[in-house]
Amino acid sequence: MAKVLLLNGSPKADGCTATALNEMIAVFEEEGIETEIVQVGRLDIRGCVSCGSCETSGKCVFHDLVNEVAGKFEEADGLVVGSPVYYGSPNGTILSFMDRLFYSTPFSKHMKVGAAVVSCRRGGNTASFDVLNKYFTISGMPVASSTYWNQVHGFTAEDVKKDLEGLQTMRNLARNMSFMIKAFADAGEKYGLPMVEKDAFTSFPDGK
């Protein structure tokens, strides 16, 4: 069975971001896709210190939720990352988590389907959306889209429940993501996954 891992970057387990993610989970279940949601935002997650330890050990030197989630991410067919907007950007905790999760994991993320979800009261949504999508697009992960940018509006969970278009966007996102996961699995069996070249690494250490 296909599986989607959902990360809640909000410190509130039942807040606005969770409301959006739960709307998606209901659709995933209808589509026969297994889900697991991990609460990230309430924890103390430090940022990457560029120590390079993961290059030899295959895991982050800091033994916290990042290493616990790494195996689940490897097994998942899709990843949804949700975050509230703080000062026009995603929550700092989820950013520290994502930096370390993506950098420290040696397995290929190629063709896993990614989706970013943001919640805000008024502004900063598209800027936060762009930040989260960059993790997917640098990793060969196709990005799932919806009928609007993947966002909900509200100051409380009850507000978000009144954002009918936002919730509709979440449902359409989950349906599109489900289709992509199933289609990629079928195409992978029929044609194989696309070849990935990795030989070139452009740098200019001579300063020219």
C-alpha atoms as a PDB file:
ATOM      1  CA  MET A   1       0.000   0.000   0.000  1.00  0.00           C
ATOM      2  CA  ALA A   2       1.234   3.490  -0.861  1.00  0.00           C
ATOM      3  CA  LYS A   3       2.004   5.760   2.068  1.00  0.00           C
ATOM      4  CA  VAL A   4       2.119   9.507   2.624  1.00  0.00           C
ATOM      5  CA  LEU A   5       4.034  11.019   5.523  1.00  0.00           C
ATOM      6  CA  LEU A   6       2.685  14.341   6.805  1.00  0.00           C
ATOM      7  CA  LEU A   7       4.739  16.724   8.952  1.00  0.00           C
ATOM      8  CA  ASN A   8       2.954  19.307  11.076  1.00  0.00           C
ATOM      9  CA  GLY A   9       5.299  22.232  11.635  1.00  0.00           C
ATOM     10  CA  SER A  10       2.906  24.028  13.947  1.00  0.00           C
ATOM     11  CA  PRO A  11       3.429  23.935  17.727  1.00  0.00           C
ATOM     12  CA  LYS A  12      -0.346  23.440  17.993  1.00  0.00           C
ATOM     13  CA  ALA A  13      -1.268  19.814  17.302  1.00  0.00           C
ATOM     14  CA  ASP A  14      -4.927  20.718  16.700  1.00  0.00           C
ATOM     15  CA  GLY A  15      -4.557  24.175  15.192  1.00  0.00           C
ATOM     16  CA  CYS A  16      -4.960  25.694  11.753  1.00  0.00           C
ATOM     17  CA  THR A  17      -2.240  23.655  10.041  1.00  0.00           C
ATOM     18  CA  ALA A  18      -3.564  20.404  11.506  1.00  0.00           C
ATOM     19  CA  THR A  19      -7.044  21.247  10.239  1.00  0.00           C
ATOM     20  CA  ALA A  20      -5.695  21.541   6.700  1.00  0.00           C
ATOM     21  CA  LEU A  21      -3.670  18.334   6.966  1.00  0.00           C
ATOM     22  CA  ASN A  22      -6.615  16.388   8.393  1.00  0.00           C
ATOM     23  CA  GLU A  23      -8.714  17.443   5.414  1.00  0.00           C
ATOM     24  CA  MET A  24      -6.090  15.824   3.205  1.00  0.00           C
ATOM     25  CA  ILE A  25      -5.866  12.686   5.341  1.00  0.00           C
ATOM     26  CA  ALA A  26      -9.580  12.008   4.885  1.00  0.00           C
ATOM     27  CA  VAL A  27      -9.100  12.002   1.105  1.00  0.00           C
ATOM     28  CA  PHE A  28      -5.965   9.854   1.265  1.00  0.00           C
ATOM     29  CA  GLU A  29      -7.930   7.256   3.213  1.00  0.00           C
ATOM     30  CA  GLU A  30     -10.663   7.304   0.558  1.00  0.00           C
ATOM     31  CA  GLU A  31      -7.955   6.765  -2.066  1.00  0.00           C
ATOM     32  CA  GLY A  32      -6.566   3.754  -0.225  1.00  0.00           C
ATOM     33  CA  ILE A  33      -3.337   5.485   0.763  1.00  0.00           C
ATOM     34  CA  GLU A  34      -1.875   4.968   4.215  1.00  0.00           C
ATOM     35  CA  THR A  35      -0.966   8.090   6.186  1.00  0.00           C
ATOM     36  CA  GLU A  36       1.083   9.017   9.208  1.00  0.00           C
ATOM     37  CA  ILE A  37       1.265  12.473  10.713  1.00  0.00           C
ATOM     38  CA  VAL A  38       4.261  13.576  12.763  1.00  0.00           C
ATOM     39  CA  GLN A  39       4.074  16.549  15.097  1.00  0.00           C
ATOM     40  CA  VAL A  40       7.267  18.569  14.642  1.00  0.00           C
ATOM     41  CA  GLY A  41       6.504  22.161  15.576  1.00  0.00           C
ATOM     42  CA  ARG A  42       6.234  21.743  19.342  1.00  0.00           C
ATOM     43  CA  LEU A  43       9.696  20.203  19.731  1.00  0.00           C
ATOM     44  CA  ASP A  44      13.124  21.751  20.268  1.00  0.00           C
ATOM     45  CA  ILE A  45      14.817  21.008  16.925  1.00  0.00           C
ATOM     46  CA  ARG A  46      18.213  22.598  16.417  1.00  0.00           C
ATOM     47  CA  GLY A  47      19.495  23.582  13.002  1.00  0.00           C
ATOM     48  CA  CYS A  48      22.215  21.996  10.892  1.00  0.00           C
ATOM     49  CA  VAL A  49      25.777  22.871  11.969  1.00  0.00           C
ATOM     50  CA  SER A  50      27.437  21.617   8.753  1.00  0.00           C
ATOM     51  CA  CYS A  51      29.644  19.168  10.654  1.00  0.00           C
ATOM     52  CA  GLY A  52      29.666  16.617   7.818  1.00  0.00           C
ATOM     53  CA  SER A  53      29.120  13.662  10.148  1.00  0.00           C
ATOM     54  CA  CYS A  54      26.128  12.448   8.141  1.00  0.00           C
ATOM     55  CA  GLU A  55      28.331  11.972   5.069  1.00  0.00           C
ATOM     56  CA  THR A  56      30.020   9.016   6.737  1.00  0.00           C
ATOM     57  CA  SER A  57      27.377   7.790   9.201  1.00  0.00           C
ATOM     58  CA  GLY A  58      24.316   8.223   6.989  1.00  0.00           C
ATOM     59  CA  LYS A  59      22.412   9.973   9.765  1.00  0.00           C
ATOM     60  CA  CYS A  60      22.426  13.269  11.623  1.00  0.00           C
ATOM     61  CA  VAL A  61      24.857  13.640  14.514  1.00  0.00           C
ATOM     62  CA  PHE A  62      22.027  15.006  16.675  1.00  0.00           C
ATOM     63  CA  HIS A  63      19.864  12.060  17.714  1.00  0.00           C
ATOM     64  CA  ASP A  64      16.376  13.476  17.817  1.00  0.00           C
ATOM     65  CA  LEU A  65      13.176  13.349  15.762  1.00  0.00           C
ATOM     66  CA  VAL A  66      15.080  13.917  12.512  1.00  0.00           C
ATOM     67  CA  ASN A  67      16.708  10.480  12.668  1.00  0.00           C
ATOM     68  CA  GLU A  68      13.449   8.896  13.844  1.00  0.00           C
ATOM     69  CA  VAL A  69      11.566  10.272  10.850  1.00  0.00           C
ATOM     70  CA  ALA A  70      14.300   9.513   8.302  1.00  0.00           C
ATOM     71  CA  GLY A  71      13.305   5.859   7.963  1.00  0.00           C
ATOM     72  CA  LYS A  72       9.642   6.757   7.595  1.00  0.00           C
ATOM     73  CA  PHE A  73      10.529   9.272   4.898  1.00  0.00           C
ATOM     74  CA  GLU A  74      12.546   6.656   3.027  1.00  0.00           C
ATOM     75  CA  GLU A  75       9.608   4.238   3.007  1.00  0.00           C
ATOM     76  CA  ALA A  76       7.006   6.867   2.071  1.00  0.00           C
ATOM     77  CA  ASP A  77       5.795   7.492  -1.462  1.00  0.00           C
ATOM     78  CA  GLY A  78       4.870  11.085  -0.692  1.00  0.00           C
ATOM     79  CA  LEU A  79       5.656  13.841   1.805  1.00  0.00           C
ATOM     80  CA  VAL A  80       3.377  16.676   2.913  1.00  0.00           C
ATOM     81  CA  VAL A  81       4.969  19.477   4.923  1.00  0.00           C
ATOM     82  CA  GLY A  82       2.624  21.864   6.686  1.00  0.00           C
ATOM     83  CA  SER A  83       3.534  25.057   8.493  1.00  0.00           C
ATOM     84  CA  PRO A  84       1.969  28.206   9.871  1.00  0.00           C
ATOM     85  CA  VAL A  85       3.323  31.541   8.660  1.00  0.00           C
ATOM     86  CA  TYR A  86       5.619  33.345  11.095  1.00  0.00           C
ATOM     87  CA  TYR A  87       6.851  36.765   9.938  1.00  0.00           C
ATOM     88  CA  GLY A  88       6.234  35.901   6.292  1.00  0.00           C
ATOM     89  CA  SER A  89       8.095  32.577   6.485  1.00  0.00           C
ATOM     90  CA  PRO A  90       7.534  29.009   7.705  1.00  0.00           C
ATOM     91  CA  ASN A  91       7.977  28.217  11.389  1.00  0.00           C
ATOM     92  CA  GLY A  92      11.709  28.133  12.220  1.00  0.00           C
ATOM     93  CA  THR A  93      11.373  24.710  13.839  1.00  0.00           C
ATOM     94  CA  ILE A  94      10.130  23.025  10.668  1.00  0.00           C
ATOM     95  CA  LEU A  95      12.858  24.728   8.643  1.00  0.00           C
ATOM     96  CA  SER A  96      15.574  23.416  10.963  1.00  0.00           C
ATOM     97  CA  PHE A  97      13.962  19.990  10.794  1.00  0.00           C
ATOM     98  CA  MET A  98      13.748  19.997   6.998  1.00  0.00           C
ATOM     99  CA  ASP A  99      17.328  21.233   6.554  1.00  0.00           C
ATOM    100  CA  ARG A 100      18.675  18.357   8.601  1.00  0.00           C
ATOM    101  CA  LEU A 101      16.242  15.724   7.310  1.00  0.00           C
ATOM    102  CA  PHE A 102      16.992  16.362   3.657  1.00  0.00           C
ATOM    103  CA  TYR A 103      20.736  16.914   4.055  1.00  0.00           C
ATOM    104  CA  SER A 104      21.509  13.999   6.367  1.00  0.00           C
ATOM    105  CA  THR A 105      19.563  11.256   4.567  1.00  0.00           C
ATOM    106  CA  PRO A 106      21.587   9.398   1.925  1.00  0.00           C
ATOM    107  CA  PHE A 107      18.672   7.645   0.229  1.00  0.00           C
ATOM    108  CA  SER A 108      17.236   8.862  -3.061  1.00  0.00           C
ATOM    109  CA  LYS A 109      14.148  11.036  -2.864  1.00  0.00           C
ATOM    110  CA  HIS A 110      13.776  10.886  -6.642  1.00  0.00           C
ATOM    111  CA  MET A 111      10.107  10.728  -7.741  1.00  0.00           C
ATOM    112  CA  LYS A 112       8.653  10.796  -4.242  1.00  0.00           C
ATOM    113  CA  VAL A 113       5.741  13.241  -4.462  1.00  0.00           C
ATOM    114  CA  GLY A 114       6.016  16.374  -2.329  1.00  0.00           C
ATOM    115  CA  ALA A 115       3.443  18.941  -1.262  1.00  0.00           C
ATOM    116  CA  ALA A 116       3.707  22.043   0.902  1.00  0.00           C
ATOM    117  CA  VAL A 117       0.755  23.362   2.909  1.00  0.00           C
ATOM    118  CA  VAL A 118       0.706  26.701   4.720  1.00  0.00           C
ATOM    119  CA  SER A 119      -1.759  28.371   7.053  1.00  0.00           C
ATOM    120  CA  CYS A 120      -1.922  32.054   7.850  1.00  0.00           C
ATOM    121  CA  ARG A 121      -4.228  34.684   9.212  1.00  0.00           C
ATOM    122  CA  ARG A 122      -3.676  37.113   6.329  1.00  0.00           C
ATOM    123  CA  GLY A 123      -0.283  37.446   4.615  1.00  0.00           C
ATOM    124  CA  GLY A 124       3.001  35.643   4.045  1.00  0.00           C
ATOM    125  CA  ASN A 125       1.425  32.519   2.626  1.00  0.00           C
ATOM    126  CA  THR A 126       2.939  32.397  -0.868  1.00  0.00           C
ATOM    127  CA  ALA A 127       6.403  33.321   0.405  1.00  0.00           C
ATOM    128  CA  SER A 128       6.252  30.456   2.909  1.00  0.00           C
ATOM    129  CA  PHE A 129       4.883  28.146   0.223  1.00  0.00           C
ATOM    130  CA  ASP A 130       7.866  28.915  -2.015  1.00  0.00           C
ATOM    131  CA  VAL A 131      10.373  28.213   0.768  1.00  0.00           C
ATOM    132  CA  LEU A 132       8.961  24.765   1.514  1.00  0.00           C
ATOM    133  CA  ASN A 133       8.753  23.767  -2.142  1.00  0.00           C
ATOM    134  CA  LYS A 134      12.488  24.305  -2.572  1.00  0.00           C
ATOM    135  CA  TYR A 135      13.232  21.184  -0.533  1.00  0.00           C
ATOM    136  CA  PHE A 136      11.338  19.108  -3.091  1.00  0.00           C
ATOM    137  CA  THR A 137      12.638  20.719  -6.243  1.00  0.00           C
ATOM    138  CA  ILE A 138      16.305  20.284  -5.298  1.00  0.00           C
ATOM    139  CA  SER A 139      15.698  16.590  -4.567  1.00  0.00           C
ATOM    140  CA  GLY A 140      14.023  15.332  -7.737  1.00  0.00           C
ATOM    141  CA  MET A 141      10.622  15.219  -6.045  1.00  0.00           C
ATOM    142  CA  PRO A 142       7.628  16.083  -8.267  1.00  0.00           C
ATOM    143  CA  VAL A 143       5.513  18.765  -6.587  1.00  0.00           C
ATOM    144  CA  ALA A 144       1.773  18.245  -6.239  1.00  0.00           C
ATOM    145  CA  SER A 145      -0.422  21.259  -6.906  1.00  0.00           C
ATOM    146  CA  SER A 146      -4.102  22.003  -6.430  1.00  0.00           C
ATOM    147  CA  THR A 147      -6.793  24.366  -7.705  1.00  0.00           C
ATOM    148  CA  TYR A 148      -5.204  27.248  -5.784  1.00  0.00           C
ATOM    149  CA  TRP A 149      -1.990  27.677  -3.844  1.00  0.00           C
ATOM    150  CA  ASN A 150      -1.915  25.125  -1.031  1.00  0.00           C
ATOM    151  CA  GLN A 151      -3.039  27.381   1.791  1.00  0.00           C
ATOM    152  CA  VAL A 152      -5.782  27.955   4.328  1.00  0.00           C
ATOM    153  CA  HIS A 153      -6.671  31.147   6.163  1.00  0.00           C
ATOM    154  CA  GLY A 154      -7.703  31.716   9.747  1.00  0.00           C
ATOM    155  CA  PHE A 155      -6.511  32.683  13.206  1.00  0.00           C
ATOM    156  CA  THR A 156      -7.971  29.575  14.835  1.00  0.00           C
ATOM    157  CA  ALA A 157      -8.883  26.063  13.741  1.00  0.00           C
ATOM    158  CA  GLU A 158     -12.537  27.101  13.799  1.00  0.00           C
ATOM    159  CA  ASP A 159     -11.716  29.944  11.410  1.00  0.00           C
ATOM    160  CA  VAL A 160     -10.059  27.513   9.012  1.00  0.00           C
ATOM    161  CA  LYS A 161     -13.155  25.301   9.033  1.00  0.00           C
ATOM    162  CA  LYS A 162     -15.023  28.310   7.618  1.00  0.00           C
ATOM    163  CA  ASP A 163     -12.471  28.718   4.817  1.00  0.00           C
ATOM    164  CA  LEU A 164     -14.422  26.534   2.417  1.00  0.00           C
ATOM    165  CA  GLU A 165     -12.212  27.288  -0.563  1.00  0.00           C
ATOM    166  CA  GLY A 166      -9.090  26.541   1.449  1.00  0.00           C
ATOM    167  CA  LEU A 167     -10.446  23.172   2.565  1.00  0.00           C
ATOM    168  CA  GLN A 168     -11.517  22.425  -0.990  1.00  0.00           C
ATOM    169  CA  THR A 169      -7.971  23.207  -2.082  1.00  0.00           C
ATOM    170  CA  MET A 170      -6.669  20.670   0.444  1.00  0.00           C
ATOM    171  CA  ARG A 171      -9.011  17.962  -0.818  1.00  0.00           C
ATOM    172  CA  ASN A 172      -8.086  18.591  -4.437  1.00  0.00           C
ATOM    173  CA  LEU A 173      -4.416  18.579  -3.468  1.00  0.00           C
ATOM    174  CA  ALA A 174      -4.775  15.184  -1.805  1.00  0.00           C
ATOM    175  CA  ARG A 175      -6.581  13.776  -4.846  1.00  0.00           C
ATOM    176  CA  ASN A 176      -3.911  15.083  -7.208  1.00  0.00           C
ATOM    177  CA  MET A 177      -1.164  13.742  -4.980  1.00  0.00           C
ATOM    178  CA  SER A 178      -2.863  10.338  -4.765  1.00  0.00           C
ATOM    179  CA  PHE A 179      -3.122  10.191  -8.543  1.00  0.00           C
ATOM    180  CA  MET A 180       0.533  11.119  -8.988  1.00  0.00           C
ATOM    181  CA  ILE A 181       1.720   8.482  -6.526  1.00  0.00           C
ATOM    182  CA  LYS A 182      -0.335   5.761  -8.219  1.00  0.00           C
ATOM    183  CA  ALA A 183       0.612   6.888 -11.725  1.00  0.00           C
ATOM    184  CA  PHE A 184       4.326   7.026 -10.922  1.00  0.00           C
ATOM    185  CA  ALA A 185       4.166   3.546  -9.396  1.00  0.00           C
ATOM    186  CA  ASP A 186       2.489   2.172 -12.532  1.00  0.00           C
ATOM    187  CA  ALA A 187       4.889   3.981 -14.862  1.00  0.00           C
ATOM    188  CA  GLY A 188       7.864   2.862 -12.802  1.00  0.00           C
ATOM    189  CA  GLU A 189       6.873  -0.765 -13.264  1.00  0.00           C
ATOM    190  CA  LYS A 190       6.244  -0.302 -16.982  1.00  0.00           C
ATOM    191  CA  TYR A 191       9.095   1.989 -18.013  1.00  0.00           C
ATOM    192  CA  GLY A 192      11.392   2.285 -15.003  1.00  0.00           C
ATOM    193  CA  LEU A 193      12.171   5.551 -13.245  1.00  0.00           C
ATOM    194  CA  PRO A 194      14.024   8.332 -15.100  1.00  0.00           C
ATOM    195  CA  MET A 195      17.805   8.079 -15.138  1.00  0.00           C
ATOM    196  CA  VAL A 196      19.584  10.485 -12.812  1.00  0.00           C
ATOM    197  CA  GLU A 197      22.998  11.906 -13.771  1.00  0.00           C
ATOM    198  CA  LYS A 198      25.227  12.889 -10.864  1.00  0.00           C
ATOM    199  CA  ASP A 199      28.745  13.191 -12.268  1.00  0.00           C
ATOM    200  CA  ALA A 200      28.878  16.970 -12.768  1.00  0.00           C
ATOM    201  CA  PHE A 201      29.409  19.277  -9.797  1.00  0.00           C
ATOM    202  CA  THR A 202      30.123  22.837 -10.820  1.00  0.00           C
ATOM    203  CA  SER A 203      32.261  24.896  -8.459  1.00  0.00           C
ATOM    204  CA  PHE A 204      34.824  27.661  -8.909  1.00  0.00           C
ATOM    205  CA  PRO A 205      37.481  27.150  -6.221  1.00  0.00           C
ATOM    206  CA  ASP A 206      40.126  28.995  -8.249  1.00  0.00           C
ATOM    207  CA  GLY A 207      38.122  32.199  -7.954  1.00  0.00           C
ATOM    208  CA  LYS A 208      37.940  32.753 -11.721  1.00  0.00           C
END
